[in-house]
């Protein structure tokens, strides 16, 4: 099975399975993107800083695993880390960086809590009701 966060479809039926598979974190030779006079790229070390971080080989972009699997259930308004992917390597890290900013967003925190519940076997009532309704 070839997984990619840009094309993987999450449904109520497969959400738990995808959560148990975990984020898509390939370690490849990442392509470079010109930023002014520099060529920048995604860095595999970022996986260690943000366990929710995913990389799409097809889009050469970062995604948020937590928000991607619970997108509709946490009403995430921004699609950058869910649908489009974030490619701003220059502003990825730091106090004002995209990764830190996303990790502090309310929707990300809600999605993170839900992933933790599913992984512990104690899915929240809204997740259980949604799964029951789909069955």
Protein backbone atom coordinates (compact mmCIF):
# COMPACT_ATOMS: atom_id res chain seq x y z
CA UNK A 1 0.00 0.00 0.00
CA UNK A 2 1.45 3.34 -1.08
CA UNK A 3 0.24 6.05 1.28
CA UNK A 4 0.49 9.79 0.65
CA UNK A 5 -1.16 12.48 2.81
CA UNK A 6 -2.14 14.46 -0.29
CA UNK A 7 -4.29 11.64 -1.66
CA UNK A 8 -5.18 9.35 1.26
CA UNK A 9 -8.93 9.48 1.88
CA UNK A 10 -10.02 9.33 5.53
CA UNK A 11 -13.54 8.12 6.24
CA UNK A 12 -15.41 7.24 9.42
CA UNK A 13 -14.86 3.59 8.49
CA UNK A 14 -11.06 3.73 8.07
CA UNK A 15 -10.10 6.54 10.48
CA UNK A 16 -9.12 4.23 13.36
CA UNK A 17 -7.02 2.05 11.05
CA UNK A 18 -5.22 5.07 9.61
CA UNK A 19 -4.56 6.43 13.10
CA UNK A 20 -2.98 3.13 14.09
CA UNK A 21 -0.82 3.19 10.93
CA UNK A 22 0.44 6.63 11.99
CA UNK A 23 1.75 9.61 10.05
CA UNK A 24 3.35 9.23 6.64
CA UNK A 25 7.01 10.11 7.15
CA UNK A 26 9.16 9.00 4.22
CA UNK A 27 12.91 9.49 4.48
CA UNK A 28 13.99 10.23 0.93
CA UNK A 29 16.17 12.72 -0.90
CA UNK A 30 13.76 15.67 -0.64
CA UNK A 31 13.69 18.01 -3.64
CA UNK A 32 14.93 21.57 -3.26
CA UNK A 33 12.90 24.73 -3.78
CA UNK A 34 14.54 28.06 -4.63
CA UNK A 35 13.98 30.83 -2.06
CA UNK A 36 15.86 33.88 -3.25
CA UNK A 37 19.49 32.87 -3.61
CA UNK A 38 19.05 29.70 -1.52
CA UNK A 39 17.76 26.24 -2.32
CA UNK A 40 15.76 24.92 0.64
CA UNK A 41 14.04 21.59 1.29
CA UNK A 42 12.03 19.63 3.83
CA UNK A 43 14.22 18.21 6.61
CA UNK A 44 13.67 14.72 8.05
CA UNK A 45 14.81 16.01 11.48
CA UNK A 46 11.51 17.89 11.67
CA UNK A 47 9.72 14.57 12.27
CA UNK A 48 11.50 14.38 15.64
CA UNK A 49 10.32 17.88 16.57
CA UNK A 50 6.70 17.35 15.52
CA UNK A 51 5.42 13.77 15.73
CA UNK A 52 2.29 14.76 13.80
CA UNK A 53 4.24 15.98 10.78
CA UNK A 54 3.78 14.22 7.46
CA UNK A 55 5.43 14.66 4.09
CA UNK A 56 3.80 14.20 0.70
CA UNK A 57 6.13 13.04 -2.04
CA UNK A 58 3.59 13.90 -4.74
CA UNK A 59 3.14 17.51 -3.58
CA UNK A 60 6.56 18.07 -1.95
CA UNK A 61 4.66 19.52 1.01
CA UNK A 62 4.07 19.09 4.76
CA UNK A 63 0.78 17.94 6.26
CA UNK A 64 -0.59 17.53 9.79
CA UNK A 65 -1.56 13.93 10.48
CA UNK A 66 -3.81 14.79 13.44
CA UNK A 67 -5.77 17.47 11.62
CA UNK A 68 -5.95 15.46 8.41
CA UNK A 69 -7.62 12.46 10.09
CA UNK A 70 -10.05 14.63 12.10
CA UNK A 71 -10.52 17.54 9.68
CA UNK A 72 -14.33 17.64 9.58
CA UNK A 73 -14.76 16.74 13.25
CA UNK A 74 -12.63 19.61 14.58
CA UNK A 75 -13.80 22.20 12.04
CA UNK A 76 -10.33 23.22 10.99
CA UNK A 77 -10.73 26.41 9.00
CA UNK A 78 -7.27 26.43 7.43
CA UNK A 79 -6.53 23.89 4.72
CA UNK A 80 -2.78 24.49 4.51
CA UNK A 81 -1.77 21.45 6.59
CA UNK A 82 -4.80 19.34 5.58
CA UNK A 83 -5.52 19.68 1.87
CA UNK A 84 -3.03 21.92 0.10
CA UNK A 85 0.07 21.12 2.09
CA UNK A 86 2.62 23.63 3.37
CA UNK A 87 5.74 24.20 1.26
CA UNK A 88 7.22 27.20 3.03
CA UNK A 89 10.56 25.66 4.07
CA UNK A 90 12.03 29.08 4.84
CA UNK A 91 9.43 29.81 7.52
CA UNK A 92 8.92 26.29 8.85
CA UNK A 93 10.81 26.64 12.13
CA UNK A 94 11.28 29.29 14.81
CA UNK A 95 9.03 31.23 17.17
CA UNK A 96 7.03 32.58 14.25
CA UNK A 97 7.36 29.39 12.20
CA UNK A 98 4.54 27.60 10.44
CA UNK A 99 5.04 24.34 12.37
CA UNK A 100 5.00 25.88 15.83
CA UNK A 101 2.10 28.14 14.91
CA UNK A 102 0.07 25.22 13.65
CA UNK A 103 0.83 23.11 16.73
CA UNK A 104 -0.61 25.88 18.94
CA UNK A 105 -3.84 26.24 16.95
CA UNK A 106 -7.05 25.22 18.71
CA UNK A 107 -8.17 22.87 15.94
CA UNK A 108 -4.80 21.07 16.04
CA UNK A 109 -5.04 20.66 19.80
CA UNK A 110 -8.56 19.20 19.50
CA UNK A 111 -7.43 16.82 16.76
CA UNK A 112 -4.42 15.80 18.85
CA UNK A 113 -6.68 14.94 21.79
CA UNK A 114 -8.91 12.83 19.57
CA UNK A 115 -5.97 10.90 18.13
CA UNK A 116 -4.79 10.20 21.69
CA UNK A 117 -8.26 8.92 22.64
CA UNK A 118 -8.39 6.59 19.63
CA UNK A 119 -4.87 5.29 20.29
CA UNK A 120 -5.77 4.60 23.92
CA UNK A 121 -8.93 2.73 22.92
CA UNK A 122 -11.08 5.38 24.61
CA UNK A 123 -12.44 7.29 21.62
CA UNK A 124 -14.49 10.36 22.50
CA UNK A 125 -18.28 10.14 22.43
CA UNK A 126 -18.55 12.21 19.25
CA UNK A 127 -16.12 9.90 17.44
CA UNK A 128 -17.96 6.81 18.69
CA UNK A 129 -21.34 8.26 17.69
CA UNK A 130 -20.02 9.20 14.25
CA UNK A 131 -18.62 5.69 13.75
CA UNK A 132 -21.86 4.11 15.00
CA UNK A 133 -23.95 6.27 12.68
CA UNK A 134 -21.85 5.25 9.68
CA UNK A 135 -22.33 1.55 10.51
